[in-house]
Amino acid sequence: MGWASRPPRKDGRDAHPTTNRKSGFYLILIPYFVPKECVVQADNELSGYEPDAIVLDRQGTDSEPRWKKESIITMGSSVRLIVEVVSTNWREDYGYKLVDYEALGISEYWIADYLGLGGRRYIGNPKQPTFFVYHLVDGEYEVSQSILYFRF
């Protein structure tokens, strides 16, 4: 979703979902959870990112200084996975967020570019829907790339 210039509307305690009311789908990933909303922010920054999807460690959020009051994550060790779905602001997902998530020490970052919107240097020429999985190894991301093929 890009930069978040305001804190999330709920505090960390309210961000624990029990069910998606629209679908009735229950999501329980013990000892992990998917918050309804949160911001990932380096401790020294004024703004951060509101990921499209994030999986948090329940024990890790207990150590987060801003989680209970503001739903803000400042330590990469609290995050198990971030997923970004690429839109027209693809430079943020492939560039800024990748560098910032790596610097925070977030162990896994997925980029889903199902419309093939990213730059050619990332998804090739001709552009194709692509899925990237970044794993943090010794403080740096290693990437796996998959071309997505759709049949209609």
C-alpha atoms as a PDB file:
ATOM      1  CA  MET A   1       0.000   0.000   0.000  1.00  0.00           C
ATOM      2  CA  GLY A   2       2.993   2.292   0.052  1.00  0.00           C
ATOM      3  CA  TRP A   3       3.980   4.897   2.564  1.00  0.00           C
ATOM      4  CA  ALA A   4       1.824   5.409   5.584  1.00  0.00           C
ATOM      5  CA  SER A   5       1.995   8.952   6.873  1.00  0.00           C
ATOM      6  CA  ARG A   6      -0.322   8.328   9.801  1.00  0.00           C
ATOM      7  CA  PRO A   7      -0.306   5.675  12.504  1.00  0.00           C
ATOM      8  CA  PRO A   8      -2.768   2.812  12.040  1.00  0.00           C
ATOM      9  CA  ARG A   9      -6.266   3.328  13.420  1.00  0.00           C
ATOM     10  CA  LYS A  10      -6.132   0.476  15.898  1.00  0.00           C
ATOM     11  CA  ASP A  11      -3.703  -0.418  18.604  1.00  0.00           C
ATOM     12  CA  GLY A  12      -1.824  -3.717  18.474  1.00  0.00           C
ATOM     13  CA  ARG A  13      -4.250  -5.481  20.787  1.00  0.00           C
ATOM     14  CA  ASP A  14      -7.155  -4.697  18.446  1.00  0.00           C
ATOM     15  CA  ALA A  15      -5.192  -5.779  15.370  1.00  0.00           C
ATOM     16  CA  HIS A  16      -5.459  -9.518  16.153  1.00  0.00           C
ATOM     17  CA  PRO A  17      -8.098 -10.891  13.785  1.00  0.00           C
ATOM     18  CA  THR A  18     -10.339 -13.756  14.710  1.00  0.00           C
ATOM     19  CA  THR A  19     -12.340 -13.964  11.518  1.00  0.00           C
ATOM     20  CA  ASN A  20     -12.945 -12.199   8.251  1.00  0.00           C
ATOM     21  CA  ARG A  21     -16.556 -11.132   8.632  1.00  0.00           C
ATOM     22  CA  LYS A  22     -17.169 -11.002   4.885  1.00  0.00           C
ATOM     23  CA  SER A  23     -16.123 -14.566   4.143  1.00  0.00           C
ATOM     24  CA  GLY A  24     -16.358 -16.174   7.563  1.00  0.00           C
ATOM     25  CA  PHE A  25     -12.794 -17.469   7.029  1.00  0.00           C
ATOM     26  CA  TYR A  26     -10.957 -18.208  10.260  1.00  0.00           C
ATOM     27  CA  LEU A  27      -7.231 -17.588  10.229  1.00  0.00           C
ATOM     28  CA  ILE A  28      -5.206 -19.097  13.045  1.00  0.00           C
ATOM     29  CA  LEU A  29      -1.434 -19.351  12.611  1.00  0.00           C
ATOM     30  CA  ILE A  30      -0.158 -20.148  16.080  1.00  0.00           C
ATOM     31  CA  PRO A  31       2.392 -18.847  17.180  1.00  0.00           C
ATOM     32  CA  TYR A  32       1.952 -16.355  14.347  1.00  0.00           C
ATOM     33  CA  PHE A  33      -0.905 -14.063  13.369  1.00  0.00           C
ATOM     34  CA  VAL A  34      -1.996 -11.782  10.543  1.00  0.00           C
ATOM     35  CA  PRO A  35      -3.013  -8.368  11.901  1.00  0.00           C
ATOM     36  CA  LYS A  36      -5.861  -6.411  10.380  1.00  0.00           C
ATOM     37  CA  GLU A  37      -3.485  -3.485   9.936  1.00  0.00           C
ATOM     38  CA  CYS A  38      -0.028  -2.368  10.996  1.00  0.00           C
ATOM     39  CA  VAL A  39       2.863  -0.194   9.908  1.00  0.00           C
ATOM     40  CA  VAL A  40       6.450  -1.413   9.524  1.00  0.00           C
ATOM     41  CA  GLN A  41       8.798   1.410  10.401  1.00  0.00           C
ATOM     42  CA  ALA A  42      12.489   1.726  11.158  1.00  0.00           C
ATOM     43  CA  ASP A  43      12.880   3.109  14.659  1.00  0.00           C
ATOM     44  CA  ASN A  44      14.544   6.316  13.433  1.00  0.00           C
ATOM     45  CA  GLU A  45      12.068   7.061  10.610  1.00  0.00           C
ATOM     46  CA  LEU A  46       8.992   9.296  10.659  1.00  0.00           C
ATOM     47  CA  SER A  47       7.002   7.244   8.158  1.00  0.00           C
ATOM     48  CA  GLY A  48       6.810   3.577   7.245  1.00  0.00           C
ATOM     49  CA  TYR A  49       5.052   0.999   5.120  1.00  0.00           C
ATOM     50  CA  GLU A  50       1.641  -0.582   5.499  1.00  0.00           C
ATOM     51  CA  PRO A  51       2.204  -3.978   3.813  1.00  0.00           C
ATOM     52  CA  ASP A  52      -0.488  -5.685   1.737  1.00  0.00           C
ATOM     53  CA  ALA A  53      -0.102  -8.717   4.024  1.00  0.00           C
ATOM     54  CA  ILE A  54       2.103  -9.401   7.023  1.00  0.00           C
ATOM     55  CA  VAL A  55       2.604 -12.363   9.343  1.00  0.00           C
ATOM     56  CA  LEU A  56       3.805 -11.468  12.837  1.00  0.00           C
ATOM     57  CA  ASP A  57       5.318 -13.515  15.644  1.00  0.00           C
ATOM     58  CA  ARG A  58       3.106 -13.306  18.751  1.00  0.00           C
ATOM     59  CA  GLN A  59       6.093 -13.396  21.115  1.00  0.00           C
ATOM     60  CA  GLY A  60       7.987 -10.869  18.988  1.00  0.00           C
ATOM     61  CA  THR A  61       5.232  -8.281  19.276  1.00  0.00           C
ATOM     62  CA  ASP A  62       5.521  -8.468  23.083  1.00  0.00           C
ATOM     63  CA  SER A  63       8.966  -6.847  22.716  1.00  0.00           C
ATOM     64  CA  GLU A  64       7.813  -4.174  20.264  1.00  0.00           C
ATOM     65  CA  PRO A  65       7.861  -0.768  21.993  1.00  0.00           C
ATOM     66  CA  ARG A  66       5.055   0.756  19.857  1.00  0.00           C
ATOM     67  CA  TRP A  67       2.889  -2.260  19.056  1.00  0.00           C
ATOM     68  CA  LYS A  68       0.363  -2.163  21.912  1.00  0.00           C
ATOM     69  CA  LYS A  69      -0.403   1.550  21.527  1.00  0.00           C
ATOM     70  CA  GLU A  70       0.027   2.199  17.795  1.00  0.00           C
ATOM     71  CA  SER A  71       0.233  -1.110  15.818  1.00  0.00           C
ATOM     72  CA  ILE A  72       3.715  -0.125  14.646  1.00  0.00           C
ATOM     73  CA  ILE A  73       6.438  -2.736  14.115  1.00  0.00           C
ATOM     74  CA  THR A  74      10.023  -1.488  14.455  1.00  0.00           C
ATOM     75  CA  MET A  75      11.972  -4.746  14.794  1.00  0.00           C
ATOM     76  CA  GLY A  76      12.367  -7.159  11.905  1.00  0.00           C
ATOM     77  CA  SER A  77      12.531 -10.094  14.321  1.00  0.00           C
ATOM     78  CA  SER A  78       8.791  -9.655  14.984  1.00  0.00           C
ATOM     79  CA  VAL A  79       7.972 -10.212  11.301  1.00  0.00           C
ATOM     80  CA  ARG A  80       7.890 -13.680   9.746  1.00  0.00           C
ATOM     81  CA  LEU A  81       6.660 -12.657   6.287  1.00  0.00           C
ATOM     82  CA  ILE A  82       5.661  -9.579   4.303  1.00  0.00           C
ATOM     83  CA  VAL A  83       3.782  -9.850   1.006  1.00  0.00           C
ATOM     84  CA  GLU A  84       3.430  -6.955  -1.410  1.00  0.00           C
ATOM     85  CA  VAL A  85       1.174  -7.094  -4.463  1.00  0.00           C
ATOM     86  CA  VAL A  86       2.638  -4.899  -7.185  1.00  0.00           C
ATOM     87  CA  SER A  87       0.594  -2.040  -8.594  1.00  0.00           C
ATOM     88  CA  THR A  88       1.544   1.022 -10.613  1.00  0.00           C
ATOM     89  CA  ASN A  89       3.929   2.102  -7.826  1.00  0.00           C
ATOM     90  CA  TRP A  90       6.114  -0.959  -8.517  1.00  0.00           C
ATOM     91  CA  ARG A  91       9.325   0.967  -7.802  1.00  0.00           C
ATOM     92  CA  GLU A  92       8.430   1.001  -4.106  1.00  0.00           C
ATOM     93  CA  ASP A  93       7.979  -2.786  -3.943  1.00  0.00           C
ATOM     94  CA  TYR A  94      11.074  -3.691  -5.973  1.00  0.00           C
ATOM     95  CA  GLY A  95      13.276  -0.885  -4.690  1.00  0.00           C
ATOM     96  CA  TYR A  96      12.591   1.033  -1.508  1.00  0.00           C
ATOM     97  CA  LYS A  97      10.717  -1.660   0.396  1.00  0.00           C
ATOM     98  CA  LEU A  98      13.161  -4.381  -0.591  1.00  0.00           C
ATOM     99  CA  VAL A  99      16.109  -2.359   0.734  1.00  0.00           C
ATOM    100  CA  ASP A 100      14.290  -1.226   3.883  1.00  0.00           C
ATOM    101  CA  TYR A 101      12.913  -4.678   4.765  1.00  0.00           C
ATOM    102  CA  GLU A 102      16.356  -6.185   4.279  1.00  0.00           C
ATOM    103  CA  ALA A 103      17.908  -3.506   6.540  1.00  0.00           C
ATOM    104  CA  LEU A 104      15.276  -4.203   9.220  1.00  0.00           C
ATOM    105  CA  GLY A 105      16.159  -7.902   9.098  1.00  0.00           C
ATOM    106  CA  ILE A 106      12.771  -9.161   7.928  1.00  0.00           C
ATOM    107  CA  SER A 107      13.351 -12.841   7.212  1.00  0.00           C
ATOM    108  CA  GLU A 108      11.026 -13.313   4.236  1.00  0.00           C
ATOM    109  CA  TYR A 109       9.567 -10.900   1.674  1.00  0.00           C
ATOM    110  CA  TRP A 110       7.356 -11.881  -1.253  1.00  0.00           C
ATOM    111  CA  ILE A 111       6.566  -9.729  -4.268  1.00  0.00           C
ATOM    112  CA  ALA A 112       3.531 -10.814  -6.290  1.00  0.00           C
ATOM    113  CA  ASP A 113       3.529  -9.085  -9.677  1.00  0.00           C
ATOM    114  CA  TYR A 114       0.572 -10.912 -11.188  1.00  0.00           C
ATOM    115  CA  LEU A 115      -0.089  -8.224 -13.810  1.00  0.00           C
ATOM    116  CA  GLY A 116       3.530  -7.900 -14.955  1.00  0.00           C
ATOM    117  CA  LEU A 117       3.759  -4.228 -14.023  1.00  0.00           C
ATOM    118  CA  GLY A 118       7.338  -4.163 -12.741  1.00  0.00           C
ATOM    119  CA  GLY A 119      10.324  -2.871 -14.625  1.00  0.00           C
ATOM    120  CA  ARG A 120      11.853  -5.041 -17.338  1.00  0.00           C
ATOM    121  CA  ARG A 121      15.082  -5.391 -15.359  1.00  0.00           C
ATOM    122  CA  TYR A 122      13.056  -7.273 -12.728  1.00  0.00           C
ATOM    123  CA  ILE A 123      10.500  -9.287 -14.702  1.00  0.00           C
ATOM    124  CA  GLY A 124      12.114  -9.533 -18.122  1.00  0.00           C
ATOM    125  CA  ASN A 125      11.179  -8.547 -21.635  1.00  0.00           C
ATOM    126  CA  PRO A 126       8.459  -9.133 -22.631  1.00  0.00           C
ATOM    127  CA  LYS A 127       6.941  -8.382 -19.261  1.00  0.00           C
ATOM    128  CA  GLN A 128       5.317 -11.397 -17.621  1.00  0.00           C
ATOM    129  CA  PRO A 129       3.501 -11.998 -14.350  1.00  0.00           C
ATOM    130  CA  THR A 130       6.196 -12.913 -11.832  1.00  0.00           C
ATOM    131  CA  PHE A 131       6.432 -13.994  -8.194  1.00  0.00           C
ATOM    132  CA  PHE A 132       9.578 -13.326  -6.133  1.00  0.00           C
ATOM    133  CA  VAL A 133      10.519 -14.865  -2.794  1.00  0.00           C
ATOM    134  CA  TYR A 134      13.314 -13.157  -0.873  1.00  0.00           C
ATOM    135  CA  HIS A 135      14.935 -15.036   2.047  1.00  0.00           C
ATOM    136  CA  LEU A 136      17.298 -13.256   4.416  1.00  0.00           C
ATOM    137  CA  VAL A 137      20.648 -15.091   4.557  1.00  0.00           C
ATOM    138  CA  ASP A 138      23.507 -13.554   6.550  1.00  0.00           C
ATOM    139  CA  GLY A 139      21.833 -10.134   6.503  1.00  0.00           C
ATOM    140  CA  GLU A 140      21.187 -10.065   2.740  1.00  0.00           C
ATOM    141  CA  TYR A 141      18.249 -11.207   0.641  1.00  0.00           C
ATOM    142  CA  GLU A 142      18.603 -14.160  -1.700  1.00  0.00           C
ATOM    143  CA  VAL A 143      15.888 -14.312  -4.330  1.00  0.00           C
ATOM    144  CA  SER A 144      13.899 -17.048  -6.045  1.00  0.00           C
ATOM    145  CA  GLN A 145      11.863 -16.043  -9.074  1.00  0.00           C
ATOM    146  CA  SER A 146       8.934 -17.786 -10.708  1.00  0.00           C
ATOM    147  CA  ILE A 147       7.203 -16.817 -13.924  1.00  0.00           C
ATOM    148  CA  LEU A 148       3.445 -17.142 -13.516  1.00  0.00           C
ATOM    149  CA  TYR A 149       1.526 -18.695 -16.385  1.00  0.00           C
ATOM    150  CA  PHE A 150      -2.194 -18.245 -16.617  1.00  0.00           C
ATOM    151  CA  ARG A 151      -4.630 -20.073 -18.852  1.00  0.00           C
ATOM    152  CA  PHE A 152      -8.032 -18.599 -19.508  1.00  0.00           C
END
